[in-house]
Each structure stands twice: as C-alpha cells, then as structure tokens.
Amino acid sequence: QVRLVESGGGLVQPGGSLRLSCAASGFSFSNYGMGWYRQAPGKQREWVAGISSGGVPNYLDSVKGRFTISRDNTKNTMYLQMNDLKPEDTAVYYCNMRYNWGRGTQVTVSS
C-alpha cells in the first residue's frame, strides 16, 4: 500500500525558508518520478515541482530560483527546499506519486 507523509510546513515570514519532506513507503521509491503540488484557499490544486526517477527536476515558473526539489533514494524521501517565500506561496502542499497523494502540510507565509 502506497503511503506518502508530508512534514515540515509551518508559519514563516516573507523572505523566510522552509524545507518540506515527503516520506514514502509501499512502493519501489527509486523507480518513480515524484512531485509536489499545492492548493491555496479557493483555488485549484497546482503542480509546483517534479523530480524524475533519475533526479531531473522541473519547476513551476513562479518558483524557479526559489524552490529546490530533491530526493534521497536511500531514505525513500523527497524534499522541497523553499527559500525567499512570498505570501502567494501560502497553501497546503501535497506530495504526489502517480495517482497517490499525501494528506498535505500547511505552509503559511505572513508577517
């Protein structure tokens, strides 16, 4: 059974940083591409970043240069380092692998 558990969210001031983690289990982690999505209040869920099984990253234009996605196949964990956070980054952030989702972690950027 696939399980994805996000952690690392919280309240941070504009310009601050957070690192999200997604602990994965129930599948062969190193064989699958993974992704981060987010959903702000009143908005549709949007893709933020993805990383291939080989470690190649891709980003939403609005987070390029600020967010870094990575993975540690020895720990079955994916990360999202978020720097220079802006109020518009406020959302629930979800880990994704194909049709599987975690429960999300709240990120709030506010002064």
PDB file of N, CA and C in Angstrom:
ATOM      1  N   GLN A   1       0.833  -1.183   0.000  1.00  0.00           N
ATOM      2  CA  GLN A   1       0.000   0.000   0.000  1.00  0.00           C
ATOM      3  C   GLN A   1       0.876   1.245   0.000  1.00  0.00           C
ATOM      4  N   VAL A   2       0.643   2.110  -0.974  1.00  0.00           N
ATOM      5  CA  VAL A   2       1.420   3.337  -1.068  1.00  0.00           C
ATOM      6  C   VAL A   2       1.048   4.289   0.069  1.00  0.00           C
ATOM      7  N   ARG A   3       2.070   4.837   0.697  1.00  0.00           N
ATOM      8  CA  ARG A   3       1.844   5.834   1.747  1.00  0.00           C
ATOM      9  C   ARG A   3       2.810   6.980   1.536  1.00  0.00           C
ATOM     10  N   LEU A   4       2.277   8.191   1.550  1.00  0.00           N
ATOM     11  CA  LEU A   4       3.065   9.406   1.402  1.00  0.00           C
ATOM     12  C   LEU A   4       2.737  10.323   2.571  1.00  0.00           C
ATOM     13  N   VAL A   5       3.756  10.718   3.319  1.00  0.00           N
ATOM     14  CA  VAL A   5       3.537  11.539   4.509  1.00  0.00           C
ATOM     15  C   VAL A   5       4.403  12.789   4.430  1.00  0.00           C
ATOM     16  N   GLU A   6       3.727  13.935   4.340  1.00  0.00           N
ATOM     17  CA  GLU A   6       4.430  15.213   4.287  1.00  0.00           C
ATOM     18  C   GLU A   6       4.687  15.754   5.685  1.00  0.00           C
ATOM     19  N   SER A   7       5.754  16.536   5.783  1.00  0.00           N
ATOM     20  CA  SER A   7       6.058  17.234   7.023  1.00  0.00           C
ATOM     21  C   SER A   7       6.893  18.460   6.696  1.00  0.00           C
ATOM     22  N   GLY A   8       7.028  19.347   7.700  1.00  0.00           N
ATOM     23  CA  GLY A   8       7.904  20.493   7.538  1.00  0.00           C
ATOM     24  C   GLY A   8       7.213  21.816   7.289  1.00  0.00           C
ATOM     25  N   GLY A   9       5.898  21.801   7.165  1.00  0.00           N
ATOM     26  CA  GLY A   9       5.190  23.057   6.963  1.00  0.00           C
ATOM     27  C   GLY A   9       5.176  23.901   8.223  1.00  0.00           C
ATOM     28  N   GLY A  10       4.667  25.110   8.079  1.00  0.00           N
ATOM     29  CA  GLY A  10       4.576  25.988   9.234  1.00  0.00           C
ATOM     30  C   GLY A  10       4.319  27.418   8.825  1.00  0.00           C
ATOM     31  N   LEU A  11       4.448  28.303   9.809  1.00  0.00           N
ATOM     32  CA  LEU A  11       4.266  29.742   9.589  1.00  0.00           C
ATOM     33  C   LEU A  11       5.640  30.388   9.462  1.00  0.00           C
ATOM     34  N   VAL A  12       5.819  31.170   8.423  1.00  0.00           N
ATOM     35  CA  VAL A  12       7.106  31.815   8.193  1.00  0.00           C
ATOM     36  C   VAL A  12       6.861  33.223   7.647  1.00  0.00           C
ATOM     37  N   GLN A  13       7.765  34.122   7.947  1.00  0.00           N
ATOM     38  CA  GLN A  13       7.640  35.487   7.441  1.00  0.00           C
ATOM     39  C   GLN A  13       8.071  35.556   5.980  1.00  0.00           C
ATOM     40  N   PRO A  14       7.584  36.550   5.254  1.00  0.00           N
ATOM     41  CA  PRO A  14       8.047  36.730   3.867  1.00  0.00           C
ATOM     42  C   PRO A  14       9.569  36.822   3.814  1.00  0.00           C
ATOM     43  N   GLY A  15      10.143  36.158   2.835  1.00  0.00           N
ATOM     44  CA  GLY A  15      11.588  36.091   2.720  1.00  0.00           C
ATOM     45  C   GLY A  15      12.208  34.926   3.457  1.00  0.00           C
ATOM     46  N   GLY A  16      11.424  34.242   4.249  1.00  0.00           N
ATOM     47  CA  GLY A  16      11.926  33.119   5.023  1.00  0.00           C
ATOM     48  C   GLY A  16      12.013  31.828   4.224  1.00  0.00           C
ATOM     49  N   SER A  17      12.421  30.768   4.913  1.00  0.00           N
ATOM     50  CA  SER A  17      12.632  29.471   4.266  1.00  0.00           C
ATOM     51  C   SER A  17      11.963  28.351   5.054  1.00  0.00           C
ATOM     52  N   LEU A  18      11.606  27.319   4.341  1.00  0.00           N
ATOM     53  CA  LEU A  18      11.124  26.078   4.933  1.00  0.00           C
ATOM     54  C   LEU A  18      11.610  24.922   4.072  1.00  0.00           C
ATOM     55  N   ARG A  19      11.749  23.764   4.691  1.00  0.00           N
ATOM     56  CA  ARG A  19      12.042  22.562   3.930  1.00  0.00           C
ATOM     57  C   ARG A  19      10.955  21.541   4.209  1.00  0.00           C
ATOM     58  N   LEU A  20      10.267  21.148   3.161  1.00  0.00           N
ATOM     59  CA  LEU A  20       9.248  20.111   3.264  1.00  0.00           C
ATOM     60  C   LEU A  20       9.864  18.752   2.968  1.00  0.00           C
ATOM     61  N   SER A  21       9.329  17.747   3.634  1.00  0.00           N
ATOM     62  CA  SER A  21       9.747  16.372   3.383  1.00  0.00           C
ATOM     63  C   SER A  21       8.533  15.526   3.041  1.00  0.00           C
ATOM     64  N   CYS A  22       8.769  14.510   2.234  1.00  0.00           N
ATOM     65  CA  CYS A  22       7.726  13.538   1.914  1.00  0.00           C
ATOM     66  C   CYS A  22       8.328  12.157   2.111  1.00  0.00           C
ATOM     67  N   ALA A  23       7.889  11.481   3.157  1.00  0.00           N
ATOM     68  CA  ALA A  23       8.353  10.126   3.428  1.00  0.00           C
ATOM     69  C   ALA A  23       7.441   9.146   2.709  1.00  0.00           C
ATOM     70  N   ALA A  24       8.043   8.301   1.880  1.00  0.00           N
ATOM     71  CA  ALA A  24       7.283   7.385   1.040  1.00  0.00           C
ATOM     72  C   ALA A  24       7.498   5.939   1.476  1.00  0.00           C
ATOM     73  N   SER A  25       6.460   5.135   1.315  1.00  0.00           N
ATOM     74  CA  SER A  25       6.566   3.715   1.598  1.00  0.00           C
ATOM     75  C   SER A  25       5.537   2.957   0.773  1.00  0.00           C
ATOM     76  N   GLY A  26       5.757   1.646   0.649  1.00  0.00           N
ATOM     77  CA  GLY A  26       4.788   0.803  -0.041  1.00  0.00           C
ATOM     78  C   GLY A  26       5.039   0.624  -1.527  1.00  0.00           C
ATOM     79  N   PHE A  27       6.131   1.173  -2.023  1.00  0.00           N
ATOM     80  CA  PHE A  27       6.471   1.011  -3.439  1.00  0.00           C
ATOM     81  C   PHE A  27       7.979   1.203  -3.586  1.00  0.00           C
ATOM     82  N   SER A  28       8.460   0.874  -4.774  1.00  0.00           N
ATOM     83  CA  SER A  28       9.897   0.995  -5.030  1.00  0.00           C
ATOM     84  C   SER A  28      10.217   2.440  -5.379  1.00  0.00           C
ATOM     85  N   PHE A  29      10.519   3.211  -4.360  1.00  0.00           N
ATOM     86  CA  PHE A  29      10.658   4.661  -4.461  1.00  0.00           C
ATOM     87  C   PHE A  29      11.585   5.101  -5.583  1.00  0.00           C
ATOM     88  N   SER A  30      12.730   4.463  -5.697  1.00  0.00           N
ATOM     89  CA  SER A  30      13.743   4.925  -6.650  1.00  0.00           C
ATOM     90  C   SER A  30      13.304   4.769  -8.104  1.00  0.00           C
ATOM     91  N   ASN A  31      12.254   4.008  -8.343  1.00  0.00           N
ATOM     92  CA  ASN A  31      11.812   3.751  -9.711  1.00  0.00           C
ATOM     93  C   ASN A  31      10.776   4.741 -10.228  1.00  0.00           C
ATOM     94  N   TYR A  32      10.339   5.672  -9.383  1.00  0.00           N
ATOM     95  CA  TYR A  32       9.222   6.531  -9.753  1.00  0.00           C
ATOM     96  C   TYR A  32       9.562   8.011  -9.658  1.00  0.00           C
ATOM     97  N   GLY A  33       9.038   8.761 -10.631  1.00  0.00           N
ATOM     98  CA  GLY A  33       9.050  10.207 -10.512  1.00  0.00           C
ATOM     99  C   GLY A  33       8.084  10.642  -9.427  1.00  0.00           C
ATOM    100  N   MET A  34       8.391  11.762  -8.816  1.00  0.00           N
ATOM    101  CA  MET A  34       7.599  12.284  -7.713  1.00  0.00           C
ATOM    102  C   MET A  34       7.317  13.761  -7.961  1.00  0.00           C
ATOM    103  N   GLY A  35       6.332  14.283  -7.228  1.00  0.00           N
ATOM    104  CA  GLY A  35       6.029  15.693  -7.406  1.00  0.00           C
ATOM    105  C   GLY A  35       5.462  16.353  -6.168  1.00  0.00           C
ATOM    106  N   TRP A  36       5.555  17.654  -6.164  1.00  0.00           N
ATOM    107  CA  TRP A  36       4.911  18.491  -5.143  1.00  0.00           C
ATOM    108  C   TRP A  36       3.819  19.322  -5.825  1.00  0.00           C
ATOM    109  N   TYR A  37       2.672  19.384  -5.184  1.00  0.00           N
ATOM    110  CA  TYR A  37       1.569  20.220  -5.612  1.00  0.00           C
ATOM    111  C   TYR A  37       1.170  21.106  -4.435  1.00  0.00           C
ATOM    112  N   ARG A  38       0.402  22.137  -4.721  1.00  0.00           N
ATOM    113  CA  ARG A  38      -0.119  22.975  -3.645  1.00  0.00           C
ATOM    114  C   ARG A  38      -1.524  23.448  -3.990  1.00  0.00           C
ATOM    115  N   GLN A  39      -2.262  23.732  -2.933  1.00  0.00           N
ATOM    116  CA  GLN A  39      -3.618  24.241  -3.102  1.00  0.00           C
ATOM    117  C   GLN A  39      -3.852  25.372  -2.118  1.00  0.00           C
ATOM    118  N   ALA A  40      -4.059  26.560  -2.664  1.00  0.00           N
ATOM    119  CA  ALA A  40      -4.355  27.724  -1.849  1.00  0.00           C
ATOM    120  C   ALA A  40      -5.867  27.804  -1.637  1.00  0.00           C
ATOM    121  N   PRO A  41      -6.292  28.507  -0.592  1.00  0.00           N
ATOM    122  CA  PRO A  41      -7.726  28.630  -0.324  1.00  0.00           C
ATOM    123  C   PRO A  41      -8.476  29.206  -1.519  1.00  0.00           C
ATOM    124  N   GLY A  42      -9.540  28.529  -1.920  1.00  0.00           N
ATOM    125  CA  GLY A  42     -10.360  28.997  -3.029  1.00  0.00           C
ATOM    126  C   GLY A  42      -9.778  28.779  -4.406  1.00  0.00           C
ATOM    127  N   LYS A  43      -8.652  28.076  -4.482  1.00  0.00           N
ATOM    128  CA  LYS A  43      -8.008  27.857  -5.781  1.00  0.00           C
ATOM    129  C   LYS A  43      -7.862  26.373  -6.053  1.00  0.00           C
ATOM    130  N   GLN A  44      -7.631  26.060  -7.311  1.00  0.00           N
ATOM    131  CA  GLN A  44      -7.404  24.669  -7.674  1.00  0.00           C
ATOM    132  C   GLN A  44      -5.997  24.240  -7.292  1.00  0.00           C
ATOM    133  N   ARG A  45      -5.850  22.953  -7.101  1.00  0.00           N
ATOM    134  CA  ARG A  45      -4.523  22.410  -6.816  1.00  0.00           C
ATOM    135  C   ARG A  45      -3.649  22.608  -8.041  1.00  0.00           C
ATOM    136  N   GLU A  46      -2.393  23.044  -7.803  1.00  0.00           N
ATOM    137  CA  GLU A  46      -1.469  23.259  -8.914  1.00  0.00           C
ATOM    138  C   GLU A  46      -0.154  22.527  -8.667  1.00  0.00           C
ATOM    139  N   TRP A  47       0.430  22.106  -9.767  1.00  0.00           N
ATOM    140  CA  TRP A  47       1.736  21.472  -9.724  1.00  0.00           C
ATOM    141  C   TRP A  47       2.799  22.522  -9.407  1.00  0.00           C
ATOM    142  N   VAL A  48       3.738  22.165  -8.547  1.00  0.00           N
ATOM    143  CA  VAL A  48       4.793  23.088  -8.144  1.00  0.00           C
ATOM    144  C   VAL A  48       6.156  22.658  -8.671  1.00  0.00           C
ATOM    145  N   ALA A  49       6.455  21.370  -8.492  1.00  0.00           N
ATOM    146  CA  ALA A  49       7.760  20.866  -8.905  1.00  0.00           C
ATOM    147  C   ALA A  49       7.683  19.356  -9.036  1.00  0.00           C
ATOM    148  N   GLY A  50       8.544  18.816  -9.882  1.00  0.00           N
ATOM    149  CA  GLY A  50       8.623  17.374 -10.050  1.00  0.00           C
ATOM    150  C   GLY A  50      10.067  16.937 -10.165  1.00  0.00           C
ATOM    151  N   ILE A  51      10.293  15.692  -9.851  1.00  0.00           N
ATOM    152  CA  ILE A  51      11.630  15.135  -9.979  1.00  0.00           C
ATOM    153  C   ILE A  51      11.508  13.728 -10.542  1.00  0.00           C
ATOM    154  N   SER A  52      12.286  13.464 -11.580  1.00  0.00           N
ATOM    155  CA  SER A  52      12.219  12.155 -12.215  1.00  0.00           C
ATOM    156  C   SER A  52      12.893  11.102 -11.356  1.00  0.00           C
ATOM    157  N   SER A  53      12.725   9.856 -11.731  1.00  0.00           N
ATOM    158  CA  SER A  53      13.392   8.775 -11.001  1.00  0.00           C
ATOM    159  C   SER A  53      14.906   8.950 -11.046  1.00  0.00           C
ATOM    160  N   GLY A  54      15.393   9.583 -12.092  1.00  0.00           N
ATOM    161  CA  GLY A  54      16.826   9.818 -12.230  1.00  0.00           C
ATOM    162  C   GLY A  54      17.305  11.098 -11.585  1.00  0.00           C
ATOM    163  N   GLY A  55      16.372  11.840 -10.964  1.00  0.00           N
ATOM    164  CA  GLY A  55      16.767  13.043 -10.234  1.00  0.00           C
ATOM    165  C   GLY A  55      16.700  14.332 -11.037  1.00  0.00           C
ATOM    166  N   VAL A  56      16.077  14.316 -12.197  1.00  0.00           N
ATOM    167  CA  VAL A  56      15.974  15.534 -13.006  1.00  0.00           C
ATOM    168  C   VAL A  56      14.779  16.360 -12.518  1.00  0.00           C
ATOM    169  N   PRO A  57      15.019  17.617 -12.118  1.00  0.00           N
ATOM    170  CA  PRO A  57      13.941  18.441 -11.580  1.00  0.00           C
ATOM    171  C   PRO A  57      13.248  19.301 -12.641  1.00  0.00           C
ATOM    172  N   ASN A  58      12.023  19.681 -12.332  1.00  0.00           N
ATOM    173  CA  ASN A  58      11.292  20.656 -13.125  1.00  0.00           C
ATOM    174  C   ASN A  58      10.478  21.507 -12.173  1.00  0.00           C
ATOM    175  N   TYR A  59      10.247  22.772 -12.563  1.00  0.00           N
ATOM    176  CA  TYR A  59       9.597  23.709 -11.647  1.00  0.00           C
ATOM    177  C   TYR A  59       8.535  24.550 -12.341  1.00  0.00           C
ATOM    178  N   LEU A  60       7.536  24.911 -11.560  1.00  0.00           N
ATOM    179  CA  LEU A  60       6.600  25.953 -11.947  1.00  0.00           C
ATOM    180  C   LEU A  60       7.401  27.249 -12.097  1.00  0.00           C
ATOM    181  N   ASP A  61       7.077  28.032 -13.115  1.00  0.00           N
ATOM    182  CA  ASP A  61       7.874  29.231 -13.379  1.00  0.00           C
ATOM    183  C   ASP A  61       7.965  30.156 -12.163  1.00  0.00           C
ATOM    184  N   SER A  62       6.879  30.283 -11.430  1.00  0.00           N
ATOM    185  CA  SER A  62       6.858  31.250 -10.326  1.00  0.00           C
ATOM    186  C   SER A  62       7.725  30.843  -9.140  1.00  0.00           C
ATOM    187  N   VAL A  63       8.204  29.606  -9.116  1.00  0.00           N
ATOM    188  CA  VAL A  63       9.055  29.167  -8.002  1.00  0.00           C
ATOM    189  C   VAL A  63      10.496  28.912  -8.443  1.00  0.00           C
ATOM    190  N   LYS A  64      10.756  29.023  -9.734  1.00  0.00           N
ATOM    191  CA  LYS A  64      12.120  28.801 -10.223  1.00  0.00           C
ATOM    192  C   LYS A  64      13.077  29.769  -9.565  1.00  0.00           C
ATOM    193  N   GLY A  65      14.213  29.249  -9.121  1.00  0.00           N
ATOM    194  CA  GLY A  65      15.213  30.079  -8.465  1.00  0.00           C
ATOM    195  C   GLY A  65      14.977  30.242  -6.981  1.00  0.00           C
ATOM    196  N   ARG A  66      13.797  29.843  -6.502  1.00  0.00           N
ATOM    197  CA  ARG A  66      13.498  29.947  -5.069  1.00  0.00           C
ATOM    198  C   ARG A  66      13.317  28.575  -4.426  1.00  0.00           C
ATOM    199  N   PHE A  67      12.731  27.646  -5.149  1.00  0.00           N
ATOM    200  CA  PHE A  67      12.472  26.304  -4.624  1.00  0.00           C
ATOM    201  C   PHE A  67      13.441  25.308  -5.257  1.00  0.00           C
ATOM    202  N   THR A  68      13.812  24.304  -4.468  1.00  0.00           N
ATOM    203  CA  THR A  68      14.656  23.215  -4.965  1.00  0.00           C
ATOM    204  C   THR A  68      14.057  21.884  -4.538  1.00  0.00           C
ATOM    205  N   ILE A  69      13.770  21.045  -5.517  1.00  0.00           N
ATOM    206  CA  ILE A  69      13.256  19.701  -5.231  1.00  0.00           C
ATOM    207  C   ILE A  69      14.418  18.719  -5.272  1.00  0.00           C
ATOM    208  N   SER A  70      14.384  17.754  -4.375  1.00  0.00           N
ATOM    209  CA  SER A  70      15.438  16.749  -4.344  1.00  0.00           C
ATOM    210  C   SER A  70      14.861  15.458  -3.791  1.00  0.00           C
ATOM    211  N   ARG A  71      15.649  14.415  -3.898  1.00  0.00           N
ATOM    212  CA  ARG A  71      15.217  13.122  -3.363  1.00  0.00           C
ATOM    213  C   ARG A  71      16.416  12.369  -2.821  1.00  0.00           C
ATOM    214  N   ASP A  72      16.154  11.555  -1.810  1.00  0.00           N
ATOM    215  CA  ASP A  72      17.170  10.673  -1.236  1.00  0.00           C
ATOM    216  C   ASP A  72      16.614   9.260  -1.316  1.00  0.00           C
ATOM    217  N   ASN A  73      17.078   8.531  -2.304  1.00  0.00           N
ATOM    218  CA  ASN A  73      16.541   7.181  -2.517  1.00  0.00           C
ATOM    219  C   ASN A  73      16.941   6.217  -1.405  1.00  0.00           C
ATOM    220  N   THR A  74      17.967   6.543  -0.646  1.00  0.00           N
ATOM    221  CA  THR A  74      18.359   5.677   0.470  1.00  0.00           C
ATOM    222  C   THR A  74      17.398   5.831   1.647  1.00  0.00           C
ATOM    223  N   LYS A  75      16.696   6.961   1.661  1.00  0.00           N
ATOM    224  CA  LYS A  75      15.753   7.223   2.757  1.00  0.00           C
ATOM    225  C   LYS A  75      14.301   7.205   2.298  1.00  0.00           C
ATOM    226  N   ASN A  76      14.082   6.910   1.008  1.00  0.00           N
ATOM    227  CA  ASN A  76      12.719   6.928   0.445  1.00  0.00           C
ATOM    228  C   ASN A  76      12.008   8.240   0.767  1.00  0.00           C
ATOM    229  N   THR A  77      12.721   9.322   0.574  1.00  0.00           N
ATOM    230  CA  THR A  77      12.199  10.637   0.957  1.00  0.00           C
ATOM    231  C   THR A  77      12.477  11.659  -0.143  1.00  0.00           C
ATOM    232  N   MET A  78      11.481  12.498  -0.373  1.00  0.00           N
ATOM    233  CA  MET A  78      11.605  13.622  -1.291  1.00  0.00           C
ATOM    234  C   MET A  78      11.531  14.909  -0.488  1.00  0.00           C
ATOM    235  N   TYR A  79      12.203  15.936  -0.978  1.00  0.00           N
ATOM    236  CA  TYR A  79      12.263  17.209  -0.258  1.00  0.00           C
ATOM    237  C   TYR A  79      11.869  18.367  -1.182  1.00  0.00           C
ATOM    238  N   LEU A  80      11.448  19.436  -0.534  1.00  0.00           N
ATOM    239  CA  LEU A  80      11.244  20.694  -1.257  1.00  0.00           C
ATOM    240  C   LEU A  80      11.812  21.805  -0.380  1.00  0.00           C
ATOM    241  N   GLN A  81      12.962  22.319  -0.767  1.00  0.00           N
ATOM    242  CA  GLN A  81      13.555  23.456  -0.079  1.00  0.00           C
ATOM    243  C   GLN A  81      12.952  24.718  -0.667  1.00  0.00           C
ATOM    244  N   MET A  82      12.347  25.508   0.175  1.00  0.00           N
ATOM    245  CA  MET A  82      11.651  26.722  -0.268  1.00  0.00           C
ATOM    246  C   MET A  82      12.315  27.926   0.369  1.00  0.00           C
ATOM    247  N   ASN A  83      12.905  28.773  -0.446  1.00  0.00           N
ATOM    248  CA  ASN A  83      13.571  29.990   0.018  1.00  0.00           C
ATOM    249  C   ASN A  83      12.840  31.214  -0.507  1.00  0.00           C
ATOM    250  N   ASP A  84      13.109  32.348   0.116  1.00  0.00           N
ATOM    251  CA  ASP A  84      12.505  33.614  -0.303  1.00  0.00           C
ATOM    252  C   ASP A  84      10.991  33.462  -0.458  1.00  0.00           C
ATOM    253  N   LEU A  85      10.376  32.908   0.553  1.00  0.00           N
ATOM    254  CA  LEU A  85       8.941  32.645   0.483  1.00  0.00           C
ATOM    255  C   LEU A  85       8.146  33.936   0.424  1.00  0.00           C
ATOM    256  N   LYS A  86       7.048  33.875  -0.326  1.00  0.00           N
ATOM    257  CA  LYS A  86       6.167  35.013  -0.539  1.00  0.00           C
ATOM    258  C   LYS A  86       4.761  34.672  -0.029  1.00  0.00           C
ATOM    259  N   PRO A  87       3.973  35.677   0.305  1.00  0.00           N
ATOM    260  CA  PRO A  87       2.609  35.394   0.766  1.00  0.00           C
ATOM    261  C   PRO A  87       1.814  34.540  -0.229  1.00  0.00           C
ATOM    262  N   GLU A  88       2.085  34.694  -1.511  1.00  0.00           N
ATOM    263  CA  GLU A  88       1.358  33.909  -2.514  1.00  0.00           C
ATOM    264  C   GLU A  88       1.769  32.439  -2.548  1.00  0.00           C
ATOM    265  N   ASP A  89       2.788  32.085  -1.782  1.00  0.00           N
ATOM    266  CA  ASP A  89       3.166  30.673  -1.638  1.00  0.00           C
ATOM    267  C   ASP A  89       2.331  29.970  -0.573  1.00  0.00           C
ATOM    268  N   THR A  90       1.524  30.725   0.147  1.00  0.00           N
ATOM    269  CA  THR A  90       0.672  30.140   1.179  1.00  0.00           C
ATOM    270  C   THR A  90      -0.295  29.134   0.574  1.00  0.00           C
ATOM    271  N   ALA A  91      -0.261  27.912   1.094  1.00  0.00           N
ATOM    272  CA  ALA A  91      -1.082  26.831   0.548  1.00  0.00           C
ATOM    273  C   ALA A  91      -0.852  25.576   1.376  1.00  0.00           C
ATOM    274  N   VAL A  92      -1.678  24.581   1.121  1.00  0.00           N
ATOM    275  CA  VAL A  92      -1.386  23.238   1.598  1.00  0.00           C
ATOM    276  C   VAL A  92      -0.561  22.561   0.502  1.00  0.00           C
ATOM    277  N   TYR A  93       0.571  22.011   0.890  1.00  0.00           N
ATOM    278  CA  TYR A  93       1.489  21.376  -0.044  1.00  0.00           C
ATOM    279  C   TYR A  93       1.337  19.862   0.048  1.00  0.00           C
ATOM    280  N   TYR A  94       1.190  19.237  -1.125  1.00  0.00           N
ATOM    281  CA  TYR A  94       0.946  17.805  -1.201  1.00  0.00           C
ATOM    282  C   TYR A  94       2.063  17.095  -1.956  1.00  0.00           C
ATOM    283  N   CYS A  95       2.381  15.920  -1.493  1.00  0.00           N
ATOM    284  CA  CYS A  95       3.313  15.015  -2.157  1.00  0.00           C
ATOM    285  C   CYS A  95       2.499  14.107  -3.079  1.00  0.00           C
ATOM    286  N   ASN A  96       3.070  13.828  -4.248  1.00  0.00           N
ATOM    287  CA  ASN A  96       2.355  13.024  -5.237  1.00  0.00           C
ATOM    288  C   ASN A  96       3.255  12.015  -5.901  1.00  0.00           C
ATOM    289  N   MET A  97       2.718  10.840  -6.095  1.00  0.00           N
ATOM    290  CA  MET A  97       3.343   9.805  -6.921  1.00  0.00           C
ATOM    291  C   MET A  97       2.216   9.156  -7.719  1.00  0.00           C
ATOM    292  N   ARG A  98       2.205   9.434  -9.023  1.00  0.00           N
ATOM    293  CA  ARG A  98       1.143   8.977  -9.913  1.00  0.00           C
ATOM    294  C   ARG A  98      -0.223   9.352  -9.348  1.00  0.00           C
ATOM    295  N   TYR A  99      -1.059   8.400  -8.979  1.00  0.00           N
ATOM    296  CA  TYR A  99      -2.413   8.703  -8.501  1.00  0.00           C
ATOM    297  C   TYR A  99      -2.486   8.744  -6.982  1.00  0.00           C
ATOM    298  N   ASN A 100      -1.342   8.760  -6.349  1.00  0.00           N
ATOM    299  CA  ASN A 100      -1.286   8.703  -4.895  1.00  0.00           C
ATOM    300  C   ASN A 100      -0.903  10.053  -4.309  1.00  0.00           C
ATOM    301  N   TRP A 101      -1.565  10.394  -3.216  1.00  0.00           N
ATOM    302  CA  TRP A 101      -1.378  11.694  -2.568  1.00  0.00           C
ATOM    303  C   TRP A 101      -1.178  11.529  -1.077  1.00  0.00           C
ATOM    304  N   GLY A 102      -0.367  12.432  -0.515  1.00  0.00           N
ATOM    305  CA  GLY A 102      -0.325  12.534   0.924  1.00  0.00           C
ATOM    306  C   GLY A 102      -1.465  13.406   1.423  1.00  0.00           C
ATOM    307  N   ARG A 103      -1.488  13.638   2.733  1.00  0.00           N
ATOM    308  CA  ARG A 103      -2.557  14.451   3.319  1.00  0.00           C
ATOM    309  C   ARG A 103      -2.237  15.932   3.299  1.00  0.00           C
ATOM    310  N   GLY A 104      -1.005  16.261   3.027  1.00  0.00           N
ATOM    311  CA  GLY A 104      -0.627  17.654   2.893  1.00  0.00           C
ATOM    312  C   GLY A 104      -0.049  18.247   4.158  1.00  0.00           C
ATOM    313  N   THR A 105       0.687  19.335   3.967  1.00  0.00           N
ATOM    314  CA  THR A 105       1.243  20.098   5.083  1.00  0.00           C
ATOM    315  C   THR A 105       1.023  21.574   4.777  1.00  0.00           C
ATOM    316  N   GLN A 106       0.570  22.301   5.786  1.00  0.00           N
ATOM    317  CA  GLN A 106       0.212  23.705   5.597  1.00  0.00           C
ATOM    318  C   GLN A 106       1.451  24.591   5.626  1.00  0.00           C
ATOM    319  N   VAL A 107       1.565  25.451   4.641  1.00  0.00           N
ATOM    320  CA  VAL A 107       2.604  26.479   4.609  1.00  0.00           C
ATOM    321  C   VAL A 107       1.903  27.833   4.599  1.00  0.00           C
ATOM    322  N   THR A 108       2.227  28.656   5.581  1.00  0.00           N
ATOM    323  CA  THR A 108       1.641  29.993   5.668  1.00  0.00           C
ATOM    324  C   THR A 108       2.765  31.015   5.702  1.00  0.00           C
ATOM    325  N   VAL A 109       2.730  31.944   4.762  1.00  0.00           N
ATOM    326  CA  VAL A 109       3.744  32.987   4.680  1.00  0.00           C
ATOM    327  C   VAL A 109       3.059  34.314   5.002  1.00  0.00           C
ATOM    328  N   SER A 110       3.407  34.849   6.151  1.00  0.00           N
ATOM    329  CA  SER A 110       2.727  36.051   6.615  1.00  0.00           C
ATOM    330  C   SER A 110       3.592  36.777   7.626  1.00  0.00           C
ATOM    331  N   SER A 111       3.483  38.105   7.628  1.00  0.00           N
ATOM    332  CA  SER A 111       4.195  38.888   8.625  1.00  0.00           C
ATOM    333  C   SER A 111       3.301  39.154   9.823  1.00  0.00           C
TER     334      SER A 111
END
